[in-house]
C-alpha atoms as a PDB file:
ATOM      1  CA  MET A   1      83.005  76.605 102.773  1.00  0.00           C
ATOM      2  CA  MET A   2      79.988  77.688 105.570  1.00  0.00           C
ATOM      3  CA  SER A   3      78.080  80.685 105.080  1.00  0.00           C
ATOM      4  CA  LEU A   4      78.682  83.673 107.318  1.00  0.00           C
ATOM      5  CA  ALA A   5      75.398  83.074 109.331  1.00  0.00           C
ATOM      6  CA  ALA A   6      76.792  79.541 109.985  1.00  0.00           C
ATOM      7  CA  GLN A   7      80.413  80.401 110.628  1.00  0.00           C
ATOM      8  CA  GLY A   8      79.340  82.549 113.267  1.00  0.00           C
ATOM      9  CA  ALA A   9      77.155  80.227 114.796  1.00  0.00           C
ATOM     10  CA  TYR A  10      79.905  78.096 114.624  1.00  0.00           C
ATOM     11  CA  ILE A  11      82.259  80.374 116.369  1.00  0.00           C
ATOM     12  CA  ASN A  12      79.802  81.046 119.274  1.00  0.00           C
ATOM     13  CA  LEU A  13      79.664  77.196 119.889  1.00  0.00           C
ATOM     14  CA  LEU A  14      82.990  77.025 120.283  1.00  0.00           C
ATOM     15  CA  ALA A  15      83.377  79.330 122.736  1.00  0.00           C
ATOM     16  CA  ILE A  16      80.548  77.958 124.662  1.00  0.00           C
ATOM     17  CA  ALA A  17      82.399  74.297 123.865  1.00  0.00           C
ATOM     18  CA  TRP A  18      85.861  76.199 125.579  1.00  0.00           C
ATOM     19  CA  ASP A  19      83.972  77.299 128.596  1.00  0.00           C
ATOM     20  CA  SER A  20      82.697  73.724 128.895  1.00  0.00           C
ATOM     21  CA  ASP A  21      83.041  70.845 131.303  1.00  0.00           C
ATOM     22  CA  PRO A  22      84.120  68.758 129.757  1.00  0.00           C
ATOM     23  CA  ILE A  23      86.481  70.916 127.942  1.00  0.00           C
ATOM     24  CA  ALA A  24      85.481  71.110 123.642  1.00  0.00           C
ATOM     25  CA  THR A  25      81.997  70.212 124.316  1.00  0.00           C
ATOM     26  CA  ILE A  26      78.269  71.109 123.864  1.00  0.00           C
ATOM     27  CA  PRO A  27      74.886  69.987 125.013  1.00  0.00           C
ATOM     28  CA  ASN A  28      73.728  67.483 122.705  1.00  0.00           C
ATOM     29  CA  GLN A  29      69.791  68.791 123.320  1.00  0.00           C
ATOM     30  CA  PRO A  30      68.625  70.154 119.988  1.00  0.00           C
ATOM     31  CA  ASP A  31      66.566  72.516 121.538  1.00  0.00           C
ATOM     32  CA  LYS A  32      69.132  74.709 123.198  1.00  0.00           C
ATOM     33  CA  LEU A  33      72.279  74.926 120.658  1.00  0.00           C
ATOM     34  CA  TRP A  34      70.163  77.315 118.196  1.00  0.00           C
ATOM     35  CA  LYS A  35      70.417  79.583 121.837  1.00  0.00           C
ATOM     36  CA  LEU A  36      73.842  78.871 122.343  1.00  0.00           C
ATOM     37  CA  ALA A  37      74.489  79.765 118.913  1.00  0.00           C
ATOM     38  CA  THR A  38      72.846  82.631 118.662  1.00  0.00           C
ATOM     39  CA  ALA A  39      70.930  82.171 116.032  1.00  0.00           C
ATOM     40  CA  MET A  40      67.133  82.837 115.515  1.00  0.00           C
ATOM     41  CA  PRO A  41      65.118  79.451 115.353  1.00  0.00           C
ATOM     42  CA  GLU A  42      64.241  80.016 111.408  1.00  0.00           C
ATOM     43  CA  GLU A  43      67.758  80.617 110.689  1.00  0.00           C
ATOM     44  CA  TRP A  44      68.999  77.475 112.898  1.00  0.00           C
ATOM     45  CA  LYS A  45      66.870  75.757 110.714  1.00  0.00           C
ATOM     46  CA  VAL A  46      68.975  76.548 107.806  1.00  0.00           C
ATOM     47  CA  ILE A  47      72.252  76.366 109.018  1.00  0.00           C
ATOM     48  CA  ARG A  48      71.747  73.454 111.820  1.00  0.00           C
ATOM     49  CA  ASP A  49      73.408  70.824 109.790  1.00  0.00           C
ATOM     50  CA  GLU A  50      75.964  72.682 108.551  1.00  0.00           C
ATOM     51  CA  VAL A  51      77.583  73.809 111.749  1.00  0.00           C
ATOM     52  CA  LEU A  52      76.952  70.409 113.838  1.00  0.00           C
ATOM     53  CA  GLU A  53      78.862  68.525 111.145  1.00  0.00           C
ATOM     54  CA  ASN A  54      81.864  69.675 112.793  1.00  0.00           C
ATOM     55  CA  PHE A  55      80.838  68.372 116.470  1.00  0.00           C
ATOM     56  CA  GLU A  56      79.785  64.322 116.917  1.00  0.00           C
ATOM     57  CA  PRO A  57      78.758  62.299 119.928  1.00  0.00           C
ATOM     58  CA  PHE A  58      81.394  62.388 122.682  1.00  0.00           C
ATOM     59  CA  ASP A  59      82.264  59.109 123.831  1.00  0.00           C
ATOM     60  CA  GLU A  60      82.784  59.660 127.743  1.00  0.00           C
ATOM     61  CA  ASP A  61      79.182  61.216 127.581  1.00  0.00           C
ATOM     62  CA  GLN A  62      76.424  60.865 125.356  1.00  0.00           C
ATOM     63  CA  THR A  63      74.453  63.954 126.301  1.00  0.00           C
ATOM     64  CA  ARG A  64      77.585  66.103 124.529  1.00  0.00           C
ATOM     65  CA  LEU A  65      78.663  66.794 121.555  1.00  0.00           C
ATOM     66  CA  VAL A  66      82.523  67.312 120.913  1.00  0.00           C
ATOM     67  CA  ASN A  67      84.803  69.517 118.605  1.00  0.00           C
ATOM     68  CA  LYS A  68      87.541  66.776 117.501  1.00  0.00           C
ATOM     69  CA  ARG A  69      89.577  69.959 116.763  1.00  0.00           C
ATOM     70  CA  LEU A  70      89.429  71.928 119.834  1.00  0.00           C
ATOM     71  CA  ARG A  71      89.927  69.033 122.082  1.00  0.00           C
ATOM     72  CA  ARG A  72      92.893  68.214 120.698  1.00  0.00           C
ATOM     73  CA  GLN A  73      94.334  71.885 120.578  1.00  0.00           C
ATOM     74  CA  TRP A  74      93.224  72.045 124.536  1.00  0.00           C
ATOM     75  CA  LEU A  75      94.665  68.207 125.041  1.00  0.00           C
ATOM     76  CA  GLU A  76      98.018  70.279 123.244  1.00  0.00           C
ATOM     77  CA  LEU A  77      97.878  72.932 125.468  1.00  0.00           C
ATOM     78  CA  GLN A  78      97.423  71.167 128.442  1.00  0.00           C
ATOM     79  CA  GLU A  79     100.488  68.701 127.597  1.00  0.00           C
ATOM     80  CA  PHE A  80     102.817  72.166 126.945  1.00  0.00           C
ATOM     81  CA  THR A  81     101.559  73.593 130.453  1.00  0.00           C
ATOM     82  CA  GLU A  82     102.634  70.443 132.216  1.00  0.00           C
ATOM     83  CA  MET A  83     105.713  70.766 130.518  1.00  0.00           C
ATOM     84  CA  ALA A  84     106.029  74.052 130.991  1.00  0.00           C
ATOM     85  CA  THR A  85     105.553  73.624 134.352  1.00  0.00           C
ATOM     86  CA  GLU A  86     108.114  70.566 134.888  1.00  0.00           C
ATOM     87  CA  ARG A  87     110.736  72.765 133.326  1.00  0.00           C
ATOM     88  CA  GLY A  88     109.869  75.491 135.886  1.00  0.00           C
ATOM     89  CA  ARG A  89     110.386  73.856 138.945  1.00  0.00           C
ATOM     90  CA  LYS A  90     113.512  72.122 137.531  1.00  0.00           C
ATOM     91  CA  GLY A  91     114.952  75.308 137.208  1.00  0.00           C
ATOM     92  CA  ALA A  92     114.008  76.401 140.838  1.00  0.00           C
ATOM     93  CA  GLU A  93     115.626  73.884 141.831  1.00  0.00           C
ATOM     94  CA  ALA A  94     119.027  73.794 140.102  1.00  0.00           C
ATOM     95  CA  ARG A  95     119.168  78.071 140.739  1.00  0.00           C
ATOM     96  CA  TRP A  96     118.599  77.745 144.625  1.00  0.00           C
ATOM     97  CA  ASP A  97     121.048  75.485 146.506  1.00  0.00           C
ATOM     98  CA  THR A  98     118.643  74.916 149.576  1.00  0.00           C
ATOM     99  CA  ALA A  99     115.786  76.043 151.110  1.00  0.00           C
ATOM    100  CA  GLY A 100     115.957  79.659 152.720  1.00  0.00           C
ATOM    101  CA  GLN A 101     118.846  80.381 150.809  1.00  0.00           C
ATOM    102  CA  GLU A 102     119.536  83.073 148.007  1.00  0.00           C
ATOM    103  CA  PRO A 103     119.599  82.209 144.128  1.00  0.00           C
ATOM    104  CA  ARG A 104     122.952  81.744 143.391  1.00  0.00           C
ATOM    105  CA  GLN A 105     122.535  84.236 140.197  1.00  0.00           C
ATOM    106  CA  ALA A 106     121.355  86.650 142.676  1.00  0.00           C
ATOM    107  CA  GLU A 107     125.045  86.278 144.607  1.00  0.00           C
ATOM    108  CA  GLU A 108     126.561  86.176 141.363  1.00  0.00           C
ATOM    109  CA  GLU A 109     125.191  89.585 140.258  1.00  0.00           C
ATOM    110  CA  ASP A 110     125.956  91.239 143.831  1.00  0.00           C
ATOM    111  CA  GLN A 111     129.345  90.554 144.128  1.00  0.00           C
ATOM    112  CA  THR A 112     130.016  91.896 140.307  1.00  0.00           C
ATOM    113  CA  GLN A 113     128.163  95.447 141.693  1.00  0.00           C
ATOM    114  CA  GLU A 114     130.550  95.424 144.431  1.00  0.00           C
ATOM    115  CA  GLU A 115     133.670  94.962 142.133  1.00  0.00           C
ATOM    116  CA  ASN A 116     132.750  97.799 139.527  1.00  0.00           C
ATOM    117  CA  PRO A 117     131.216 100.377 141.850  1.00  0.00           C
ATOM    118  CA  THR A 118     129.769 103.404 139.713  1.00  0.00           C
ATOM    119  CA  ASP A 119     129.951 107.001 141.343  1.00  0.00           C
ATOM    120  CA  GLU A 120     126.936 108.707 139.303  1.00  0.00           C
ATOM    121  CA  GLY A 121     127.003 112.157 139.692  1.00  0.00           C
ATOM    122  CA  ALA A 122     130.342 112.633 141.399  1.00  0.00           C
ATOM    123  CA  ASP A 123     132.020 115.072 138.307  1.00  0.00           C
ATOM    124  CA  ILE A 124     129.226 117.487 138.650  1.00  0.00           C
ATOM    125  CA  ASN A 125     129.710 121.006 139.904  1.00  0.00           C
ATOM    126  CA  GLU A 126     127.538 122.925 142.375  1.00  0.00           C
ATOM    127  CA  ASP A 127     128.772 125.650 139.675  1.00  0.00           C
ATOM    128  CA  ASP A 128     127.439 123.836 136.930  1.00  0.00           C
ATOM    129  CA  VAL A 129     123.949 123.297 137.751  1.00  0.00           C
END
């Protein structure tokens, strides 16, 4: 189990990795890592190995280290986003007959409202107010 200082440094590096390009990577530069982890140099010497065991050289760019778990999470999220986008596109196509026409669902709702008009407030007398 990681020490509290190592956990903090690890979480900071994960946050940096999430915002990096390529995603889930950090620079493989020992002189910069302690700064990115927001650790003091003396503290970094103690926790460095414990933190960096969660990162490995990135196959696509040897100047970067990758957190495989974070990378996998991002790839799954990207796949889900693409699937949801495709489903939304198909749903929109099914809902709209052709370009420029009203959606089918909206037409059905309009007919329902016309068939059941409500005259709210019609039973109120001026004397009751």
